[in-house]
């Protein structure tokens, strides 16, 4: 039996601290093989001392770090300030898979990195450690050994039905779910068939020998079993958030799932969808099964940016049709957007504002663009010299622009970011009211004038306890009544 401590870096990302579904699956897999596993979920800098104490207490054989690119500065802080001692120190997650052996240059303290999905490979590594076997040849892992880097082959993707259930019990699950107003985030399927240039899926799928299996849905029976197993951890769950990238992609699976879900689970739920996959038939099944809200990636209101920079070909007209049709079925609409994209001008940014004004979503969110390594948009930014020299200081999507001041100044990008944030804050109220569009527009214009005052309350890293509590109340209100 191996003793494993997993450390999840989740500091100031722009999202409320939540579950890492990949780590939950890894924990479930390790526990099934009777390995001893602990989890340290880092939410802010104060957690570093707790991490140090936990590691001293656990004395693990293996320490595993899980982080994304914009968490690197906290990984450095952790390795510098916390005494990290174990037989092996490895890292995994999206960043490691994207940049591979370059991670060893970034963090010399690491002995190994996991490439791709980690359930089977980490379980095998733990088995070898427990039996004092040679671990250097463990599939999916790169290791440093005798001044060289050993690159092992990547294993084929596994069907989800063959992977043990995820285990969320080591997360602070009660607080996470209750702070989400009773919503339990889950994930059933894996992968995305689209190749958006700002997303890492087009890079990730190509590392596997069976990349045609990258998009996988569990069988309906297994899907229901996953949900029921999760709900047994927190029976007071009021809603479920399905975090699948493309929940509505496979119509046959979706329709069968909706029927089984309504029959055997019957809880309200939220999901993600692309506007291309929305039609009357899809919405009928979602509504019947209890879908309360759908998250859509609007991204930008400029069709040239969306098509040529993001590689998303759908038009503004298609977005409006999907929002309108979703509203017809009484399902809430959530709008995700980005500002500070490569080649974006003030006029283009204003188009994003205007598109959302016309969509009148029930709620939404706006992020600063952040380029992930090896993606097509990252390479474009490098080729055109657009990346800020201090980009590593950014830890999330709400801190600031990631590009140099070429097509917009940072002040201008921040202005449109704040306008979008204020607009969505206003939608918390407006979506509950019925008023003519022109009156609503006047109200929104007033909010824009008051944006600086409002931003204080919705600013991501506000430290005032009163403001934090107000934001928490507003967030719970949004999740309970608007989604």
Protein backbone atom coordinates (compact mmCIF):
# COMPACT_ATOMS: atom_id res chain seq x y z
CA UNK A 1 0.00 0.00 0.00
CA UNK A 2 1.37 3.40 -0.98
CA UNK A 3 0.75 6.58 0.99
CA UNK A 4 -0.18 9.42 -1.40
CA UNK A 5 -0.77 13.13 -0.76
CA UNK A 6 -2.39 15.04 -3.63
CA UNK A 7 -2.18 18.83 -3.66
CA UNK A 8 -4.69 20.79 -5.73
CA UNK A 9 -3.81 24.41 -6.58
CA UNK A 10 -7.06 26.40 -6.78
CA UNK A 11 -6.02 29.92 -5.77
CA UNK A 12 -7.68 33.07 -7.10
CA UNK A 13 -8.68 31.54 -10.43
CA UNK A 14 -11.83 33.56 -11.04
CA UNK A 15 -14.00 30.58 -10.20
CA UNK A 16 -15.35 29.83 -6.75
CA UNK A 17 -13.23 27.06 -5.15
CA UNK A 18 -14.78 23.76 -6.17
CA UNK A 19 -14.10 20.14 -7.00
CA UNK A 20 -11.45 18.91 -9.38
CA UNK A 21 -13.23 16.07 -11.15
CA UNK A 22 -10.01 14.52 -12.44
CA UNK A 23 -8.59 14.32 -8.92
CA UNK A 24 -11.88 12.88 -7.65
CA UNK A 25 -11.56 10.04 -10.17
CA UNK A 26 -7.92 9.50 -9.19
CA UNK A 27 -8.86 9.37 -5.51
CA UNK A 28 -11.60 6.87 -6.25
CA UNK A 29 -9.17 4.70 -8.21
CA UNK A 30 -6.45 4.78 -5.53
CA UNK A 31 -8.90 3.99 -2.76
CA UNK A 32 -10.28 1.00 -4.65
CA UNK A 33 -6.77 -0.47 -4.65
CA UNK A 34 -6.51 0.25 -0.90
CA UNK A 35 -3.81 2.88 -1.23
CA UNK A 36 -3.81 5.54 1.43
CA UNK A 37 -4.72 8.91 -0.09
CA UNK A 38 -5.04 12.43 1.30
CA UNK A 39 -5.94 15.70 -0.41
CA UNK A 40 -4.72 19.23 0.27
CA UNK A 41 -6.95 21.77 -1.48
CA UNK A 42 -5.12 25.11 -1.63
CA UNK A 43 -7.59 28.00 -1.87
CA UNK A 44 -5.50 30.93 -0.67
CA UNK A 45 -2.00 31.69 0.61
CA UNK A 46 -3.05 30.98 4.20
CA UNK A 47 -3.46 27.33 3.25
CA UNK A 48 0.28 26.91 2.74
CA UNK A 49 0.90 26.57 6.48
CA UNK A 50 -1.90 24.00 6.69
CA UNK A 51 -0.30 22.12 3.81
CA UNK A 52 3.05 22.04 5.60
CA UNK A 53 1.43 20.65 8.75
CA UNK A 54 -0.55 18.08 6.78
CA UNK A 55 2.51 16.78 4.94
CA UNK A 56 4.47 16.45 8.19
CA UNK A 57 1.60 14.45 9.63
CA UNK A 58 1.00 12.22 6.57
CA UNK A 59 4.67 11.55 5.70
CA UNK A 60 3.66 10.39 2.20
CA UNK A 61 5.63 8.12 -0.11
CA UNK A 62 4.35 10.10 -3.06
CA UNK A 63 3.36 13.76 -3.36
CA UNK A 64 1.35 14.72 -6.42
CA UNK A 65 0.81 18.34 -7.48
CA UNK A 66 -2.13 19.20 -9.75
CA UNK A 67 -2.22 22.65 -11.36
CA UNK A 68 -3.04 24.64 -14.48
CA UNK A 69 -0.74 27.11 -16.23
CA UNK A 70 -2.03 30.17 -14.41
CA UNK A 71 -1.32 28.57 -11.03
CA UNK A 72 2.43 28.31 -11.61
CA UNK A 73 3.34 31.21 -9.35
CA UNK A 74 1.60 29.47 -6.45
CA UNK A 75 3.38 26.20 -7.22
CA UNK A 76 6.68 28.11 -6.96
CA UNK A 77 5.55 29.71 -3.71
CA UNK A 78 4.52 26.31 -2.33
CA UNK A 79 7.80 24.60 -3.25
CA UNK A 80 9.77 27.52 -1.82
CA UNK A 81 7.90 27.95 1.46
CA UNK A 82 6.78 24.41 2.33
CA UNK A 83 9.16 21.59 3.25
CA UNK A 84 8.32 18.97 0.64
CA UNK A 85 9.78 15.54 1.34
CA UNK A 86 8.75 12.20 -0.14
CA UNK A 87 10.18 9.26 -2.03
CA UNK A 88 8.76 10.83 -5.20
CA UNK A 89 7.38 14.26 -6.03
CA UNK A 90 5.36 14.31 -9.25
CA UNK A 91 2.99 16.72 -10.97
CA UNK A 92 0.03 16.36 -13.29
CA UNK A 93 -2.82 18.31 -14.75
CA UNK A 94 -3.42 20.25 -17.95
CA UNK A 95 -0.20 22.30 -17.79
CA UNK A 96 2.03 19.24 -17.53
CA UNK A 97 0.26 17.60 -20.45
CA UNK A 98 0.59 20.72 -22.60
CA UNK A 99 4.28 21.52 -22.03
CA UNK A 100 5.52 18.05 -21.03
CA UNK A 101 9.23 17.88 -20.09
CA UNK A 102 9.51 21.68 -20.02
CA UNK A 103 7.90 21.40 -16.57
CA UNK A 104 11.21 20.05 -15.26
CA UNK A 105 12.84 23.34 -16.30
CA UNK A 106 10.12 25.30 -14.49
CA UNK A 107 10.24 23.19 -11.32
CA UNK A 108 13.52 21.42 -10.69
CA UNK A 109 12.14 19.89 -7.48
CA UNK A 110 9.96 17.46 -9.46
CA UNK A 111 10.98 13.85 -10.00
CA UNK A 112 8.27 13.08 -12.52
CA UNK A 113 5.23 14.36 -14.40
CA UNK A 114 2.05 12.61 -15.49
CA UNK A 115 0.93 13.18 -19.10
CA UNK A 116 -2.77 12.84 -19.88
CA UNK A 117 -5.42 11.12 -17.80
CA UNK A 118 -3.90 9.84 -14.59
CA UNK A 119 -6.17 7.25 -12.99
CA UNK A 120 -4.61 4.10 -14.40
CA UNK A 121 -1.03 5.37 -14.58
CA UNK A 122 -0.95 6.77 -11.03
CA UNK A 123 -2.48 3.58 -9.70
CA UNK A 124 0.26 1.61 -11.47
CA UNK A 125 2.95 3.93 -10.09
CA UNK A 126 1.61 3.44 -6.56
CA UNK A 127 1.52 -0.33 -7.04
CA UNK A 128 5.18 -0.33 -8.07
CA UNK A 129 6.18 1.91 -5.18
CA UNK A 130 4.31 -0.27 -2.69
CA UNK A 131 6.03 -3.41 -4.04
CA UNK A 132 9.46 -1.75 -4.37
CA UNK A 133 9.42 -2.39 -8.13
CA UNK A 134 11.06 -0.31 -10.86
CA UNK A 135 8.76 2.66 -11.43
CA UNK A 136 10.81 4.45 -14.12
CA UNK A 137 8.92 2.68 -16.92
CA UNK A 138 5.41 3.53 -15.66
CA UNK A 139 3.22 4.47 -18.66
CA UNK A 140 2.11 8.11 -19.01
CA UNK A 141 4.99 9.32 -16.82
CA UNK A 142 8.16 11.24 -17.62
CA UNK A 143 10.91 10.85 -15.01
CA UNK A 144 14.26 12.49 -14.34
CA UNK A 145 16.92 9.85 -13.89
CA UNK A 146 20.71 10.15 -13.98
CA UNK A 147 20.60 13.51 -15.70
CA UNK A 148 18.20 12.27 -18.40
CA UNK A 149 14.47 12.44 -18.93
CA UNK A 150 12.78 9.07 -19.38
CA UNK A 151 9.71 9.47 -21.61
CA UNK A 152 7.29 6.56 -21.31
CA UNK A 153 4.53 5.89 -23.86
CA UNK A 154 1.03 7.24 -23.37
CA UNK A 155 -1.60 4.58 -22.67
CA UNK A 156 -4.82 4.40 -24.69
CA UNK A 157 -7.85 6.20 -23.32
CA UNK A 158 -10.11 4.08 -21.10
CA UNK A 159 -13.86 3.76 -21.42
CA UNK A 160 -15.47 5.65 -18.54
CA UNK A 161 -17.45 2.59 -17.43
CA UNK A 162 -14.13 0.85 -16.64
CA UNK A 163 -12.87 3.64 -14.37
CA UNK A 164 -13.83 3.53 -10.66
CA UNK A 165 -16.36 6.07 -9.43
CA UNK A 166 -15.05 9.52 -8.49
CA UNK A 167 -14.57 10.16 -4.78
CA UNK A 168 -15.26 13.70 -3.56
CA UNK A 169 -15.14 12.84 0.14
CA UNK A 170 -11.66 14.31 0.72
CA UNK A 171 -12.72 17.71 -0.59
CA UNK A 172 -14.48 20.07 1.79
CA UNK A 173 -17.58 18.89 -0.02
CA UNK A 174 -20.20 20.11 2.45
CA UNK A 175 -18.94 23.71 2.30
CA UNK A 176 -18.47 23.59 -1.48
CA UNK A 177 -22.00 22.31 -2.09
CA UNK A 178 -23.66 24.56 0.49
CA UNK A 179 -21.82 27.64 -0.80
CA UNK A 180 -23.15 26.64 -4.23
CA UNK A 181 -26.65 26.89 -2.77
CA UNK A 182 -27.04 23.12 -2.62
CA UNK A 183 -25.64 22.49 -6.13
CA UNK A 184 -23.37 19.46 -6.48
CA UNK A 185 -20.94 19.83 -9.44
CA UNK A 186 -20.40 16.55 -11.30
CA UNK A 187 -18.93 15.37 -14.60
CA UNK A 188 -20.07 12.37 -16.62
CA UNK A 189 -18.52 12.53 -20.10
CA UNK A 190 -15.01 13.46 -21.17
CA UNK A 191 -13.50 15.30 -24.08
CA UNK A 192 -14.69 17.77 -26.71
CA UNK A 193 -14.69 17.23 -30.49
CA UNK A 194 -14.35 20.93 -31.31
CA UNK A 195 -11.04 22.68 -31.90
CA UNK A 196 -11.48 26.16 -30.47
CA UNK A 197 -8.10 27.83 -30.79
CA UNK A 198 -8.20 29.27 -27.25
CA UNK A 199 -9.01 25.90 -25.70
CA UNK A 200 -6.55 23.07 -25.04
CA UNK A 201 -8.72 20.19 -26.31
CA UNK A 202 -7.18 20.23 -29.79
CA UNK A 203 -3.77 19.74 -28.15
CA UNK A 204 -4.80 17.20 -25.52
CA UNK A 205 -6.54 14.78 -27.86
CA UNK A 206 -3.47 14.38 -30.03
CA UNK A 207 -1.31 12.86 -27.29
CA UNK A 208 -3.30 9.61 -27.20
CA UNK A 209 -2.75 6.60 -29.48
CA UNK A 210 -6.55 6.20 -29.77
CA UNK A 211 -7.42 9.88 -30.11
CA UNK A 212 -10.62 8.97 -31.99
CA UNK A 213 -11.92 7.86 -28.56
CA UNK A 214 -11.16 11.23 -26.96
CA UNK A 215 -14.87 12.10 -26.63
CA UNK A 216 -16.49 9.48 -24.40
CA UNK A 217 -19.85 9.15 -22.71
CA UNK A 218 -20.51 6.54 -20.03
CA UNK A 219 -23.40 4.17 -20.60
CA UNK A 220 -26.73 5.41 -19.27
CA UNK A 221 -26.68 2.84 -16.48
CA UNK A 222 -23.18 3.82 -15.41
CA UNK A 223 -24.06 7.53 -15.60
CA UNK A 224 -26.94 7.06 -13.17
CA UNK A 225 -24.72 4.99 -10.89
CA UNK A 226 -22.10 7.77 -10.82
CA UNK A 227 -24.76 10.31 -9.87
CA UNK A 228 -26.29 8.13 -7.16
CA UNK A 229 -22.88 7.34 -5.71
CA UNK A 230 -22.10 11.07 -5.54
CA UNK A 231 -25.47 11.88 -3.99
CA UNK A 232 -24.88 9.28 -1.27
CA UNK A 233 -22.05 11.54 -0.06
CA UNK A 234 -24.38 14.53 0.28
CA UNK A 235 -28.06 13.45 0.27
CA UNK A 236 -29.23 17.04 0.89
CA UNK A 237 -28.18 18.05 -2.64
CA UNK A 238 -30.81 20.32 -4.21
CA UNK A 239 -29.42 20.66 -7.73
CA UNK A 240 -26.73 19.11 -9.89
CA UNK A 241 -24.31 21.02 -12.12
CA UNK A 242 -23.10 18.83 -14.99
CA UNK A 243 -19.71 20.29 -15.91
CA UNK A 244 -19.32 18.22 -19.08
CA UNK A 245 -17.82 20.26 -21.93
CA UNK A 246 -20.47 19.13 -24.40
CA UNK A 247 -23.39 17.71 -22.43
CA UNK A 248 -25.80 17.99 -25.38
CA UNK A 249 -23.42 16.71 -28.10
CA UNK A 250 -24.72 13.16 -28.45
CA UNK A 251 -28.48 13.36 -28.93
CA UNK A 252 -29.09 9.61 -28.63
CA UNK A 253 -27.21 9.47 -25.33
CA UNK A 254 -28.82 12.70 -24.10
CA UNK A 255 -32.40 11.61 -24.76
CA UNK A 256 -31.90 8.22 -23.11
CA UNK A 257 -30.11 9.87 -20.20
CA UNK A 258 -32.89 12.42 -19.65
CA UNK A 259 -35.51 9.68 -19.44
CA UNK A 260 -33.46 7.62 -16.98
CA UNK A 261 -32.45 10.67 -14.96
CA UNK A 262 -36.04 11.83 -14.52
CA UNK A 263 -37.09 8.34 -13.47
CA UNK A 264 -34.23 7.55 -11.07
CA UNK A 265 -32.78 10.89 -9.85
CA UNK A 266 -35.29 13.64 -10.59
CA UNK A 267 -33.32 16.62 -9.26
CA UNK A 268 -33.09 20.01 -11.00
CA UNK A 269 -29.86 20.37 -12.95
CA UNK A 270 -27.68 22.79 -14.91
CA UNK A 271 -25.46 22.00 -17.89
CA UNK A 272 -23.19 23.38 -20.64
CA UNK A 273 -24.14 23.46 -24.31
CA UNK A 274 -22.98 24.91 -27.60
CA UNK A 275 -25.55 26.90 -29.54
CA UNK A 276 -25.11 24.58 -32.57
CA UNK A 277 -26.50 21.69 -30.52
CA UNK A 278 -29.67 23.42 -29.38
CA UNK A 279 -33.01 22.70 -31.03
CA UNK A 280 -36.63 22.05 -30.03
CA UNK A 281 -36.11 18.32 -29.52
CA UNK A 282 -33.06 18.81 -27.28
CA UNK A 283 -34.78 21.45 -25.17
CA UNK A 284 -37.92 19.35 -24.76
CA UNK A 285 -35.91 16.50 -23.29
CA UNK A 286 -33.82 18.79 -21.08
CA UNK A 287 -36.89 20.59 -19.76
CA UNK A 288 -38.72 17.34 -19.08
CA UNK A 289 -35.74 15.96 -17.16
CA UNK A 290 -35.50 19.05 -14.92
CA UNK A 291 -32.93 21.29 -16.61
CA UNK A 292 -33.13 24.77 -15.07
CA UNK A 293 -30.23 26.57 -16.76
CA UNK A 294 -27.83 26.21 -19.69
CA UNK A 295 -24.38 27.79 -19.89
CA UNK A 296 -23.45 29.04 -23.37
CA UNK A 297 -20.06 30.20 -24.60
CA UNK A 298 -20.86 33.45 -26.39
CA UNK A 299 -17.19 34.53 -26.08
CA UNK A 300 -17.32 37.59 -28.35
CA UNK A 301 -19.89 39.63 -30.23
CA UNK A 302 -17.59 40.08 -33.22
CA UNK A 303 -18.10 37.33 -35.79
CA UNK A 304 -14.66 37.80 -37.38
CA UNK A 305 -12.94 37.24 -34.03
CA UNK A 306 -15.15 34.29 -33.24
CA UNK A 307 -14.54 32.57 -36.58
CA UNK A 308 -10.93 33.45 -37.41
CA UNK A 309 -9.34 33.81 -33.97
CA UNK A 310 -11.37 31.43 -31.80
CA UNK A 311 -12.32 28.99 -34.59
CA UNK A 312 -16.00 29.02 -33.61
CA UNK A 313 -18.01 29.35 -36.80
CA UNK A 314 -21.53 30.02 -35.49
CA UNK A 315 -23.03 33.44 -36.17
CA UNK A 316 -24.58 36.01 -33.85
CA UNK A 317 -27.91 35.07 -35.41
CA UNK A 318 -27.45 31.44 -34.32
CA UNK A 319 -26.57 32.57 -30.78
CA UNK A 320 -29.70 34.72 -30.62
CA UNK A 321 -31.84 31.86 -31.91
CA UNK A 322 -30.45 29.48 -29.26
CA UNK A 323 -31.03 31.98 -26.45
CA UNK A 324 -34.54 32.75 -27.68
CA UNK A 325 -35.47 29.08 -28.04
CA UNK A 326 -34.06 28.23 -24.62
CA UNK A 327 -36.12 31.02 -23.06
CA UNK A 328 -39.22 29.69 -24.83
CA UNK A 329 -38.84 26.46 -22.88
CA UNK A 330 -38.47 28.31 -19.57
CA UNK A 331 -34.80 27.41 -19.15
CA UNK A 332 -32.39 30.07 -17.84
CA UNK A 333 -29.54 31.26 -20.06
CA UNK A 334 -25.98 31.90 -18.82
CA UNK A 335 -23.55 33.79 -21.08
CA UNK A 336 -19.74 33.30 -20.95
CA UNK A 337 -17.60 35.99 -22.58
CA UNK A 338 -13.96 37.01 -23.12
CA UNK A 339 -12.30 40.41 -23.50
CA UNK A 340 -8.70 41.20 -24.42
CA UNK A 341 -8.51 38.72 -27.31
CA UNK A 342 -5.73 39.00 -29.89
CA UNK A 343 -6.53 41.72 -32.47
CA UNK A 344 -9.61 42.85 -30.53
CA UNK A 345 -10.36 46.57 -30.85
CA UNK A 346 -12.62 48.84 -28.82
CA UNK A 347 -15.29 48.53 -31.51
CA UNK A 348 -15.11 44.72 -31.33
CA UNK A 349 -15.31 44.74 -27.53
CA UNK A 350 -18.37 46.96 -27.72
CA UNK A 351 -19.97 44.44 -30.06
CA UNK A 352 -19.69 41.88 -27.26
CA UNK A 353 -21.47 44.29 -24.91
CA UNK A 354 -24.19 44.99 -27.47
CA UNK A 355 -24.74 41.33 -28.29
CA UNK A 356 -25.29 40.53 -24.62
CA UNK A 357 -27.63 43.50 -24.29
CA UNK A 358 -29.75 42.00 -27.04
CA UNK A 359 -29.52 38.44 -25.63
CA UNK A 360 -30.73 39.57 -22.18
CA UNK A 361 -29.24 36.49 -20.45
CA UNK A 362 -30.40 35.60 -16.97
CA UNK A 363 -26.84 35.84 -15.79
CA UNK A 364 -23.32 35.59 -17.16
CA UNK A 365 -19.64 36.15 -16.67
CA UNK A 366 -16.76 37.80 -18.48
CA UNK A 367 -13.09 36.83 -18.32
CA UNK A 368 -9.84 38.26 -19.54
CA UNK A 369 -8.28 36.18 -22.30
CA UNK A 370 -5.51 33.88 -21.05
CA UNK A 371 -3.46 31.85 -23.57
CA UNK A 372 -2.70 28.24 -22.71
CA UNK A 373 0.69 26.92 -23.92
CA UNK A 374 0.82 24.99 -27.20
CA UNK A 375 -2.71 25.99 -28.23
CA UNK A 376 -3.08 27.54 -31.66
CA UNK A 377 -4.00 30.89 -30.15
CA UNK A 378 -0.95 30.80 -27.88
CA UNK A 379 1.32 30.18 -30.86
CA UNK A 380 -0.37 32.99 -32.76
CA UNK A 381 0.27 35.35 -29.81
CA UNK A 382 3.93 34.29 -29.73
CA UNK A 383 4.35 34.73 -33.48
CA UNK A 384 2.93 38.25 -33.36
CA UNK A 385 4.75 39.23 -30.15
CA UNK A 386 1.52 39.83 -28.26
CA UNK A 387 2.23 38.10 -24.91
CA UNK A 388 3.06 40.21 -21.88
CA UNK A 389 6.51 39.57 -20.49
CA UNK A 390 5.09 39.20 -16.97
CA UNK A 391 2.23 36.89 -17.91
CA UNK A 392 3.22 34.36 -15.21
CA UNK A 393 2.03 36.79 -12.55
CA UNK A 394 -1.58 36.18 -13.61
CA UNK A 395 -3.26 33.42 -11.62
CA UNK A 396 -6.72 33.43 -13.11
CA UNK A 397 -9.09 35.04 -15.56
CA UNK A 398 -10.18 38.11 -13.61
CA UNK A 399 -6.89 39.78 -12.71
CA UNK A 400 -5.94 41.61 -15.88
CA UNK A 401 -5.07 41.45 -19.59
CA UNK A 402 -2.49 38.89 -20.75
CA UNK A 403 -1.47 40.69 -23.97
CA UNK A 404 0.64 43.72 -24.78
CA UNK A 405 -1.04 47.04 -25.49
CA UNK A 406 -1.28 46.80 -29.28
CA UNK A 407 -4.93 46.99 -30.33
CA UNK A 408 -6.29 48.22 -27.00
CA UNK A 409 -4.62 49.64 -23.93
CA UNK A 410 -4.92 47.70 -20.70
CA UNK A 411 -7.10 50.51 -19.37
CA UNK A 412 -9.47 50.11 -22.29
CA UNK A 413 -9.62 46.33 -21.93
CA UNK A 414 -10.32 46.75 -18.23
CA UNK A 415 -13.13 49.21 -19.04
CA UNK A 416 -14.99 46.66 -21.20
CA UNK A 417 -14.32 43.93 -18.67
CA UNK A 418 -15.90 46.05 -15.95
CA UNK A 419 -18.82 47.00 -18.19
CA UNK A 420 -19.56 43.33 -18.75
CA UNK A 421 -19.24 42.47 -15.07
CA UNK A 422 -21.60 45.28 -14.11
CA UNK A 423 -24.09 44.28 -16.79
CA UNK A 424 -24.23 40.71 -15.50
CA UNK A 425 -24.58 41.94 -11.93
CA UNK A 426 -27.54 44.00 -13.12
CA UNK A 427 -29.07 40.95 -14.76
CA UNK A 428 -29.43 39.41 -11.29
CA UNK A 429 -32.21 41.96 -10.80
CA UNK A 430 -33.43 42.55 -14.34
CA UNK A 431 -33.98 38.87 -15.14
CA UNK A 432 -36.50 38.74 -12.29
CA UNK A 433 -38.42 41.70 -13.64
CA UNK A 434 -40.52 42.22 -16.73
CA UNK A 435 -39.94 45.58 -18.32
CA UNK A 436 -39.76 46.96 -21.87
CA UNK A 437 -36.32 46.74 -23.44
CA UNK A 438 -35.88 50.53 -23.70
CA UNK A 439 -36.54 50.97 -19.96
CA UNK A 440 -34.15 48.15 -19.17
CA UNK A 441 -31.54 49.82 -21.37
CA UNK A 442 -31.81 53.06 -19.38
CA UNK A 443 -31.34 51.09 -16.15
CA UNK A 444 -28.27 49.38 -17.62
CA UNK A 445 -26.78 52.71 -18.69
CA UNK A 446 -27.14 53.95 -15.10
CA UNK A 447 -25.29 50.83 -13.92
CA UNK A 448 -22.51 51.56 -16.39
CA UNK A 449 -22.11 55.05 -14.94
CA UNK A 450 -21.90 53.55 -11.44
CA UNK A 451 -19.61 50.72 -12.51
CA UNK A 452 -16.66 51.70 -10.28
CA UNK A 453 -18.80 51.51 -7.16
CA UNK A 454 -20.36 48.23 -8.22
CA UNK A 455 -17.00 46.69 -9.13
CA UNK A 456 -15.89 47.15 -5.52
CA UNK A 457 -18.55 44.67 -4.48
CA UNK A 458 -18.02 42.15 -7.26
CA UNK A 459 -14.24 42.53 -7.48
CA UNK A 460 -12.70 39.07 -7.32
CA UNK A 461 -10.08 39.73 -4.67
CA UNK A 462 -11.91 42.15 -2.39
CA UNK A 463 -10.61 41.66 1.17
CA UNK A 464 -13.24 43.51 3.17
CA UNK A 465 -15.28 40.96 5.14
CA UNK A 466 -18.53 42.88 4.67
CA UNK A 467 -18.05 42.97 0.89
CA UNK A 468 -17.12 39.29 0.84
CA UNK A 469 -20.29 38.39 2.74
CA UNK A 470 -22.46 40.52 0.44
CA UNK A 471 -20.89 38.82 -2.57
CA UNK A 472 -21.52 35.41 -1.04
CA UNK A 473 -25.19 36.28 -0.47
CA UNK A 474 -25.56 37.54 -4.04
CA UNK A 475 -23.85 34.44 -5.39
CA UNK A 476 -26.16 32.13 -3.45
CA UNK A 477 -29.14 34.17 -4.66
CA UNK A 478 -27.99 33.80 -8.26
CA UNK A 479 -27.49 30.05 -7.94
CA UNK A 480 -30.75 29.45 -6.11
CA UNK A 481 -33.13 31.60 -8.09
CA UNK A 482 -31.49 32.37 -11.43
CA UNK A 483 -29.91 29.06 -12.39
